Amino acid sequence: MKNQVIETAVPQKYLGNLGLMIFITLMNMFIPLSTDLYLPALPTMGTYFDSNAAIINLTLSAFFFFYAIGMLIWGPLSDKYGRKPILLAGNLLYLISSVFCAVAENVYWLIAARAFQGIGAGGITSVSVAMIKDCFTGKKRETILAITQSMSALAPMLAPIIGVFIIQHVGWRGSFWSLSIIATVNLILTLLYQETLQEHERNDGTVLNAIGRLFVVARNKSFFIPAVIFSLSAFPFMGYIAVSSYIYIDYFGVSELEYSYFFATNACLSVAGPFIYVRFLSFCKKNSVAVGAFSLGMISGILVMTIGTRSPGLFLLSFIIMSLTGAAIRPFSTNILFDQLKGDTGSAVSLMGILFTVMGSGGMVVASLPWGNVVMGLGAIMAIFSAMALVSWYVFMKSDIPFVGVKTTLSPQET
C-alpha cells in the first residue's frame, strides 16, 4: 500500500527518513522566516526609506500576494513534473530575490524584490505540504502534520529575537542576507532529496492542462467551501503580523527587544497547539472541534477590544487564545481537506495556500489602515471574521454537500 508510513515512501538515500522530516519542516518555516525575521525592523525601515507604515507594509503584502500567484503555478506543475524540479526552480528564485532585497536602494526596489521572493516561496511551501501527502495517510499523516507545523512554529518564536540581534549589529539588510543563507542551505537539501511523486502518479497533458486542474479541484464543493471557511482565520492572524510591531513598540511603548519577547511568547505557546489537537482533540467529533475553535477566536477578539488595550501583557493574554486554537486545528483542517480528494495534491495545496494568502493579505491591508486605536481595530477584525467562520461552518454543515470524515465516511470525490 502506498506511503502508509515514512518507510514505504521513496527511500531517501542521502537525506534518510529523519533528514526528510527536517527538510519538510525547514520548508514550512520559509513563510514565517520571510516575514518575522524583519518585523522588528519595520519602524526602522520606515525611517531609513522616509516612508509611512502603509508603504513599508507593502513589503509584507506584496510578498504574500505574489506568493499566492506562485502557488497557483508551482503546485499544479509539481503534479505534472514531480516535486524536485519545482523545488529547485522556486528555491533558486527565492535565493536570488533575497540577495536583491539585501541590496535594495529604495523602498520600491525592495517591494519588487519581495514580490519575486514570494513567487519563489510559493514553489517551496506548496511542494513541502504535498510531500507529506505523498508519504503518509490517515492518522499518521495527521500526526506528521502536527509535528511539522509545531516545529515550524519555532520560526516565528525565534525569528524576531534573532532579527533584533541582526538589526542591532548589522542593520535591517542583515535580515535578508540571513534569508539568503537559509535559502542556500535549503537548495543543498533539495539537491540531496529524491523524488516522492512517482511517474505513474503524475498528471498527463500540457502545462495549461496541469494548471487547469486547479479549476477541477475548486469545483469540488466538499473541498473548496470548507477551505474558504478555514482560510477566514488568516485575515485577523496576518493582520496581527502586520501591526504587531506598531502595537507593542508604538502603542504600548516597549523596546524592540521587548517586542521580540512578546512576539516570541505568542509563537512559543502556539507550538503546543497542534500537539494539543493530536493528544486531546483528535478523538472528539470533528464538527465540535471546528465550532469550538471559531467560538474561541470570537471570544479572543472581544477580549482584545475590552482588556487588551490596557497593557502589552493583557493584549498578549487576550490574543493568545485565538493564536493557540488556530494552531491547534491546523492539522485537522489540512488533513480533512486532503481526505476530500484522491489526487491533484499539488493543486489542492495551492488552492489552500492561495485562500490563506489572499485572506491574509487583506488582513494586513485592513489592519494597517489608520484606525483610531490599532488594538481595537485588530480586535474587531478578530471577532468579525471568527463570527463569519462560525456562521459559514454552521450553514455548510446543514447543507447536503458530503464532507468525508465529518458528515460521512464515504470515499473522497474523484477530481
Protein backbone atom coordinates (compact mmCIF):
# COMPACT_ATOMS: atom_id res chain seq x y z
CA MET A 1 0.00 0.00 0.00
CA LYS A 2 1.36 3.35 -0.98
CA ASN A 3 3.10 5.51 1.63
CA GLN A 4 1.35 4.33 4.80
CA VAL A 5 4.38 5.31 6.81
CA ILE A 6 7.60 7.07 6.04
CA GLU A 7 9.42 3.78 5.43
CA THR A 8 7.14 3.00 2.46
CA ALA A 9 7.90 6.31 0.73
CA VAL A 10 10.63 6.52 -1.89
CA PRO A 11 13.82 5.73 0.06
CA GLN A 12 15.87 8.82 0.75
CA LYS A 13 19.40 7.58 0.11
CA TYR A 14 21.10 10.84 1.08
CA LEU A 15 18.66 12.54 3.46
CA GLY A 16 17.32 9.47 5.26
CA ASN A 17 13.92 9.42 6.95
CA LEU A 18 14.88 11.93 9.66
CA GLY A 19 16.55 14.18 7.11
CA LEU A 20 13.37 14.19 5.02
CA MET A 21 11.34 15.34 8.03
CA ILE A 22 13.87 18.08 8.81
CA PHE A 23 13.79 19.14 5.15
CA ILE A 24 9.97 19.38 5.12
CA THR A 25 9.99 21.28 8.41
CA LEU A 26 12.56 23.79 7.14
CA MET A 27 10.50 24.45 4.03
CA ASN A 28 7.42 25.01 6.19
CA MET A 29 9.43 27.66 8.05
CA PHE A 30 10.07 29.76 4.95
CA ILE A 31 6.94 31.89 5.23
CA PRO A 32 7.30 32.88 8.92
CA LEU A 33 11.04 33.40 8.42
CA SER A 34 10.38 35.58 5.37
CA THR A 35 8.22 37.91 7.48
CA ASP A 36 9.01 37.59 11.17
CA LEU A 37 12.78 37.92 10.80
CA TYR A 38 12.50 41.56 9.79
CA LEU A 39 9.26 42.57 11.56
CA PRO A 40 11.15 44.37 14.35
CA ALA A 41 12.87 46.46 11.68
CA LEU A 42 9.68 47.82 10.06
CA PRO A 43 9.68 51.12 12.02
CA THR A 44 13.43 51.50 11.38
CA MET A 45 12.99 50.77 7.68
CA GLY A 46 10.25 53.38 7.52
CA THR A 47 12.68 55.96 8.84
CA TYR A 48 15.51 54.76 6.57
CA PHE A 49 13.39 54.99 3.40
CA ASP A 50 11.42 58.01 4.66
CA SER A 51 8.16 56.11 4.10
CA ASN A 52 4.98 55.71 6.13
CA ALA A 53 3.70 52.45 7.61
CA ALA A 54 1.32 51.78 4.71
CA ILE A 55 4.16 51.87 2.16
CA ILE A 56 6.55 49.82 4.29
CA ASN A 57 3.85 47.20 4.91
CA LEU A 58 3.66 46.70 1.14
CA THR A 59 6.87 44.70 1.56
CA LEU A 60 4.69 42.25 3.50
CA SER A 61 1.50 42.32 1.45
CA ALA A 62 3.40 42.20 -1.89
CA PHE A 63 5.27 39.14 -0.70
CA PHE A 64 2.05 37.32 0.22
CA PHE A 65 0.15 38.41 -2.88
CA PHE A 66 2.82 37.08 -5.24
CA TYR A 67 3.34 34.07 -3.01
CA ALA A 68 -0.29 33.21 -3.83
CA ILE A 69 0.39 33.66 -7.55
CA GLY A 70 3.44 31.42 -7.26
CA MET A 71 1.38 28.71 -5.62
CA LEU A 72 -1.17 28.93 -8.45
CA ILE A 73 1.59 27.90 -10.84
CA TRP A 74 4.00 25.73 -8.87
CA GLY A 75 1.51 23.40 -7.16
CA PRO A 76 -0.21 22.06 -10.31
CA LEU A 77 3.14 21.87 -12.13
CA SER A 78 4.53 19.70 -9.33
CA ASP A 79 1.69 17.23 -10.02
CA LYS A 80 2.88 17.04 -13.65
CA TYR A 81 6.68 17.24 -13.43
CA GLY A 82 7.29 15.99 -9.89
CA ARG A 83 8.25 17.77 -6.68
CA LYS A 84 12.02 18.14 -7.12
CA PRO A 85 12.15 20.26 -10.32
CA ILE A 86 9.67 22.73 -8.82
CA LEU A 87 11.63 22.88 -5.58
CA LEU A 88 14.83 23.67 -7.48
CA ALA A 89 13.20 26.45 -9.54
CA GLY A 90 11.39 28.03 -6.57
CA ASN A 91 14.44 27.87 -4.33
CA LEU A 92 16.74 29.50 -6.91
CA LEU A 93 14.26 32.35 -7.47
CA TYR A 94 13.90 32.85 -3.71
CA LEU A 95 17.67 32.92 -3.22
CA ILE A 96 18.31 35.46 -5.98
CA SER A 97 15.43 37.68 -4.83
CA SER A 98 16.70 37.61 -1.23
CA VAL A 99 20.03 38.98 -2.42
CA PHE A 100 18.24 41.77 -4.32
CA CYS A 101 16.27 42.58 -1.14
CA ALA A 102 19.50 42.87 0.81
CA VAL A 103 20.99 45.42 -1.61
CA ALA A 104 17.79 47.42 -2.29
CA GLU A 105 18.47 51.14 -2.75
CA ASN A 106 14.88 52.34 -2.30
CA VAL A 107 11.61 51.03 -0.91
CA TYR A 108 10.11 50.31 -4.34
CA TRP A 109 13.11 48.19 -5.29
CA LEU A 110 12.61 46.29 -2.04
CA ILE A 111 8.88 45.81 -2.68
CA ALA A 112 9.60 44.44 -6.19
CA ALA A 113 12.27 42.05 -4.89
CA ARG A 114 9.91 40.87 -2.18
CA ALA A 115 7.31 40.11 -4.86
CA PHE A 116 9.73 37.79 -6.69
CA GLN A 117 10.78 36.33 -3.35
CA GLY A 118 7.12 35.49 -2.72
CA ILE A 119 6.82 33.70 -6.09
CA GLY A 120 9.82 31.56 -5.22
CA ALA A 121 8.48 30.81 -1.75
CA GLY A 122 5.24 29.59 -3.34
CA GLY A 123 7.14 26.78 -5.04
CA ILE A 124 8.91 25.77 -1.83
CA THR A 125 5.95 25.63 0.54
CA SER A 126 3.37 24.17 -1.86
CA VAL A 127 5.64 21.23 -2.58
CA SER A 128 6.59 20.71 1.06
CA VAL A 129 2.97 20.12 2.11
CA ALA A 130 2.31 17.95 -0.94
CA MET A 131 5.29 15.77 0.03
CA ILE A 132 3.51 14.93 3.31
CA LYS A 133 0.52 13.56 1.41
CA ASP A 134 2.91 11.69 -0.91
CA CYS A 135 4.38 9.85 2.08
CA PHE A 136 1.61 9.48 4.69
CA THR A 137 -2.06 8.59 5.07
CA GLY A 138 -4.74 8.67 7.78
CA LYS A 139 -3.83 9.29 11.42
CA LYS A 140 -0.14 9.01 10.59
CA ARG A 141 -0.47 11.94 8.19
CA GLU A 142 -2.33 13.97 10.80
CA THR A 143 0.45 13.30 13.32
CA ILE A 144 3.17 14.24 10.84
CA LEU A 145 1.29 17.44 10.00
CA ALA A 146 1.17 18.25 13.71
CA ILE A 147 4.90 17.61 14.12
CA THR A 148 5.98 19.68 11.12
CA GLN A 149 3.54 22.51 11.87
CA SER A 150 4.59 22.64 15.52
CA MET A 151 8.28 22.63 14.69
CA SER A 152 7.65 25.26 12.02
CA ALA A 153 6.18 27.45 14.76
CA LEU A 154 9.70 27.72 16.18
CA ALA A 155 10.45 30.07 13.30
CA PRO A 156 8.14 32.91 14.43
CA MET A 157 9.24 32.26 18.01
CA LEU A 158 12.95 32.71 17.32
CA ALA A 159 12.92 34.93 14.22
CA PRO A 160 12.04 38.27 15.93
CA ILE A 161 14.69 37.74 18.62
CA ILE A 162 17.29 36.88 16.01
CA GLY A 163 16.01 39.75 13.88
CA VAL A 164 16.55 42.26 16.68
CA PHE A 165 20.10 40.97 17.19
CA ILE A 166 20.78 41.29 13.45
CA ILE A 167 19.30 44.81 13.33
CA GLN A 168 21.37 45.97 16.28
CA HIS A 169 24.65 44.57 14.96
CA VAL A 170 24.28 44.56 11.17
CA GLY A 171 21.21 46.60 10.28
CA TRP A 172 17.95 45.67 8.56
CA ARG A 173 19.78 44.44 5.43
CA GLY A 174 21.28 41.64 7.51
CA SER A 175 17.83 40.05 7.79
CA PHE A 176 17.73 39.48 4.04
CA TRP A 177 21.31 38.24 3.91
CA SER A 178 20.25 35.72 6.56
CA LEU A 179 17.35 34.59 4.36
CA SER A 180 19.84 34.16 1.51
CA ILE A 181 21.91 31.81 3.67
CA ILE A 182 18.82 29.81 4.68
CA ALA A 183 17.82 29.51 1.01
CA THR A 184 21.31 28.23 0.17
CA VAL A 185 21.03 25.51 2.83
CA ASN A 186 17.58 24.54 1.51
CA LEU A 187 18.94 24.39 -2.04
CA ILE A 188 21.60 21.91 -0.93
CA LEU A 189 18.94 19.75 0.76
CA THR A 190 16.84 19.93 -2.41
CA LEU A 191 19.74 18.56 -4.44
CA LEU A 192 20.01 15.66 -1.97
CA TYR A 193 16.25 14.98 -1.95
CA GLN A 194 14.92 12.07 -4.03
CA GLU A 195 11.55 12.44 -5.76
CA THR A 196 8.49 11.28 -3.79
CA LEU A 197 5.87 11.57 -6.56
CA GLN A 198 6.15 8.52 -8.80
CA GLU A 199 5.84 8.71 -12.59
CA HIS A 200 2.54 6.82 -12.67
CA GLU A 201 1.02 9.24 -10.14
CA ARG A 202 1.69 12.35 -12.20
CA ASN A 203 -0.84 14.19 -14.34
CA ASP A 204 -0.61 13.89 -18.11
CA GLY A 205 -1.30 16.59 -20.66
CA THR A 206 0.09 20.04 -21.37
CA VAL A 207 1.23 22.69 -18.91
CA LEU A 208 -2.08 24.51 -19.38
CA ASN A 209 -3.95 21.30 -18.64
CA ALA A 210 -1.90 20.86 -15.47
CA ILE A 211 -2.69 24.38 -14.27
CA GLY A 212 -6.32 23.82 -15.31
CA ARG A 213 -6.58 21.11 -12.65
CA LEU A 214 -6.92 23.99 -10.18
CA PHE A 215 -10.41 24.63 -11.53
CA VAL A 216 -11.30 20.94 -11.35
CA VAL A 217 -10.31 20.84 -7.67
CA ALA A 218 -12.07 24.15 -6.98
CA ARG A 219 -15.34 22.72 -8.34
CA ASN A 220 -15.27 20.07 -5.62
CA LYS A 221 -17.57 21.74 -3.09
CA SER A 222 -16.63 19.26 -0.37
CA PHE A 223 -13.08 20.61 -0.60
CA PHE A 224 -13.44 24.23 -1.63
CA ILE A 225 -16.18 25.51 0.70
CA PRO A 226 -14.56 24.33 3.95
CA ALA A 227 -11.19 25.51 2.60
CA VAL A 228 -12.64 29.03 2.29
CA ILE A 229 -14.11 28.81 5.80
CA PHE A 230 -10.82 27.71 7.35
CA SER A 231 -8.96 30.45 5.48
CA LEU A 232 -11.04 33.19 7.15
CA SER A 233 -8.79 32.85 10.22
CA ALA A 234 -5.88 34.16 8.14
CA PHE A 235 -7.45 37.63 7.94
CA PRO A 236 -7.02 38.54 11.64
CA PHE A 237 -3.86 36.44 12.10
CA MET A 238 -1.94 38.12 9.29
CA GLY A 239 -3.40 41.45 10.37
CA TYR A 240 -1.66 40.84 13.69
CA ILE A 241 1.61 40.04 11.87
CA ALA A 242 1.41 43.36 10.02
CA VAL A 243 0.68 45.60 13.02
CA SER A 244 2.21 43.72 15.95
CA SER A 245 5.37 45.82 15.98
CA TYR A 246 3.32 49.02 15.90
CA ILE A 247 1.07 47.75 18.70
CA TYR A 248 3.91 46.83 21.02
CA ILE A 249 6.52 49.47 20.09
CA ASP A 250 4.39 52.50 19.16
CA TYR A 251 1.12 51.91 21.06
CA PHE A 252 2.46 50.35 24.27
CA GLY A 253 5.92 51.94 24.08
CA VAL A 254 8.05 48.83 24.59
CA SER A 255 11.54 48.48 23.12
CA GLU A 256 12.35 46.46 20.00
CA LEU A 257 13.89 43.75 22.17
CA GLU A 258 10.87 43.63 24.49
CA TYR A 259 8.62 43.42 21.44
CA SER A 260 10.55 40.39 20.21
CA TYR A 261 9.96 38.69 23.58
CA PHE A 262 6.20 39.32 23.45
CA PHE A 263 6.03 38.13 19.85
CA ALA A 264 8.13 35.06 20.63
CA THR A 265 5.98 34.19 23.67
CA ASN A 266 2.89 34.08 21.48
CA ALA A 267 4.69 31.90 18.94
CA CYS A 268 6.14 29.65 21.66
CA LEU A 269 2.73 28.91 23.14
CA SER A 270 1.35 28.30 19.66
CA VAL A 271 3.87 25.48 19.19
CA ALA A 272 1.76 23.41 21.58
CA GLY A 273 -1.41 23.89 19.51
CA PRO A 274 -1.04 21.01 17.02
CA PHE A 275 0.11 18.65 19.76
CA ILE A 276 -2.90 19.61 21.88
CA TYR A 277 -5.14 18.65 18.97
CA VAL A 278 -3.43 15.29 18.35
CA ARG A 279 -3.26 14.39 22.05
CA PHE A 280 -6.63 15.63 23.30
CA LEU A 281 -8.91 16.75 20.47
CA SER A 282 -8.34 14.35 17.56
CA PHE A 283 -10.73 11.87 19.21
CA CYS A 284 -13.51 14.45 19.52
CA LYS A 285 -16.19 15.00 16.91
CA LYS A 286 -14.71 16.99 14.06
CA ASN A 287 -17.67 19.33 13.97
CA SER A 288 -17.22 20.15 17.68
CA VAL A 289 -13.52 20.91 17.17
CA ALA A 290 -14.26 23.44 14.43
CA VAL A 291 -17.16 25.09 16.31
CA GLY A 292 -15.04 25.37 19.45
CA ALA A 293 -12.10 26.92 17.60
CA PHE A 294 -14.22 29.52 15.79
CA SER A 295 -16.07 30.41 19.01
CA LEU A 296 -12.84 30.89 20.96
CA GLY A 297 -11.50 33.10 18.18
CA MET A 298 -14.55 35.34 18.53
CA ILE A 299 -14.14 35.49 22.32
CA SER A 300 -10.45 36.32 21.88
CA GLY A 301 -11.30 39.28 19.65
CA ILE A 302 -13.77 40.63 22.20
CA LEU A 303 -11.16 40.33 24.96
CA VAL A 304 -8.60 42.20 22.83
CA MET A 305 -11.08 45.07 22.41
CA THR A 306 -12.04 45.19 26.10
CA ILE A 307 -8.95 44.45 28.18
CA GLY A 308 -6.22 44.09 25.55
CA THR A 309 -5.85 47.86 25.22
CA ARG A 310 -4.68 48.26 28.83
CA SER A 311 -1.20 46.73 28.75
CA PRO A 312 1.05 44.65 26.49
CA GLY A 313 0.67 41.69 28.85
CA LEU A 314 -3.12 41.76 28.74
CA PHE A 315 -3.03 42.15 24.97
CA LEU A 316 -0.84 39.05 24.72
CA LEU A 317 -3.13 37.03 27.00
CA SER A 318 -6.18 38.10 25.01
CA PHE A 319 -4.68 37.35 21.61
CA ILE A 320 -3.04 34.03 22.54
CA ILE A 321 -6.46 32.36 22.80
CA MET A 322 -7.05 32.76 19.07
CA SER A 323 -3.43 32.05 18.24
CA LEU A 324 -3.42 28.78 20.20
CA THR A 325 -6.76 27.49 18.92
CA GLY A 326 -5.87 28.44 15.35
CA ALA A 327 -2.65 26.44 15.62
CA ALA A 328 -4.48 23.52 17.24
CA ILE A 329 -6.86 22.94 14.32
CA ARG A 330 -4.28 23.28 11.54
CA PRO A 331 -3.54 19.51 11.38
CA PHE A 332 -7.29 18.83 11.49
CA SER A 333 -8.16 21.28 8.72
CA THR A 334 -5.31 20.26 6.41
CA ASN A 335 -5.89 16.54 6.86
CA ILE A 336 -9.67 16.73 6.48
CA LEU A 337 -9.30 18.75 3.27
CA PHE A 338 -6.86 16.17 1.89
CA ASP A 339 -9.46 13.49 2.63
CA GLN A 340 -11.90 15.13 0.20
CA LEU A 341 -9.64 14.34 -2.79
CA LYS A 342 -7.93 11.31 -4.30
CA GLY A 343 -5.38 13.11 -6.45
CA ASP A 344 -4.19 16.56 -7.55
CA THR A 345 -2.38 17.12 -4.27
CA GLY A 346 -0.27 19.97 -5.62
CA SER A 347 -3.33 21.79 -6.94
CA ALA A 348 -5.16 21.25 -3.63
CA VAL A 349 -2.23 22.62 -1.62
CA SER A 350 -2.02 25.58 -3.99
CA LEU A 351 -5.69 26.44 -3.53
CA MET A 352 -5.40 26.14 0.26
CA GLY A 353 -2.34 28.37 0.24
CA ILE A 354 -3.91 30.88 -2.11
CA LEU A 355 -7.04 31.22 0.00
CA PHE A 356 -4.98 31.67 3.16
CA THR A 357 -2.68 34.17 1.47
CA VAL A 358 -5.42 36.26 -0.14
CA MET A 359 -7.26 36.44 3.16
CA GLY A 360 -4.03 37.18 4.98
CA SER A 361 -3.02 39.93 2.57
CA GLY A 362 -6.44 41.53 3.01
CA GLY A 363 -5.97 41.35 6.76
CA MET A 364 -2.61 43.07 6.51
CA VAL A 365 -4.06 45.90 4.46
CA VAL A 366 -7.14 46.41 6.65
CA ALA A 367 -5.24 46.15 9.93
CA SER A 368 -2.72 48.74 8.64
CA LEU A 369 -5.43 51.31 7.95
CA PRO A 370 -5.37 54.42 10.17
CA TRP A 371 -7.62 53.10 12.92
CA GLY A 372 -8.18 55.47 15.79
CA ASN A 373 -6.97 52.68 18.07
CA VAL A 374 -4.91 49.95 16.38
CA VAL A 375 -5.60 47.42 19.15
CA MET A 376 -9.36 47.97 18.94
CA GLY A 377 -9.16 47.64 15.16
CA LEU A 378 -7.37 44.30 15.37
CA GLY A 379 -9.81 43.01 18.00
CA ALA A 380 -12.76 43.95 15.81
CA ILE A 381 -11.23 42.09 12.86
CA MET A 382 -10.70 39.01 15.04
CA ALA A 383 -14.27 38.97 16.34
CA ILE A 384 -15.93 39.67 12.98
CA PHE A 385 -14.03 37.08 10.95
CA SER A 386 -14.33 34.39 13.63
CA ALA A 387 -18.08 35.01 13.69
CA MET A 388 -18.19 34.77 9.89
CA ALA A 389 -16.36 31.43 10.04
CA LEU A 390 -18.70 30.10 12.72
CA VAL A 391 -21.86 31.05 10.81
CA SER A 392 -20.47 29.76 7.49
CA TRP A 393 -19.50 26.46 9.10
CA TYR A 394 -23.00 26.05 10.55
CA VAL A 395 -24.62 26.67 7.15
CA PHE A 396 -22.21 24.26 5.43
CA MET A 397 -22.83 21.51 7.96
CA LYS A 398 -26.59 21.91 7.46
CA SER A 399 -26.25 21.60 3.67
CA ASP A 400 -26.48 18.33 1.74
CA ILE A 401 -22.89 18.61 0.49
CA PRO A 402 -20.92 15.50 1.56
CA PHE A 403 -17.89 16.02 3.81
CA VAL A 404 -15.75 12.89 4.24
CA GLY A 405 -14.67 12.28 7.83
CA VAL A 406 -17.10 14.81 9.28
CA LYS A 407 -20.56 14.23 7.80
CA THR A 408 -19.92 10.86 6.18
CA THR A 409 -17.37 8.10 5.81
CA LEU A 410 -17.81 7.77 2.04
CA SER A 411 -14.77 7.76 -0.22
CA PRO A 412 -13.43 11.15 -1.39
CA GLN A 413 -14.66 12.52 -4.67
CA GLU A 414 -12.70 11.88 -7.83
CA THR A 415 -11.15 15.04 -9.25
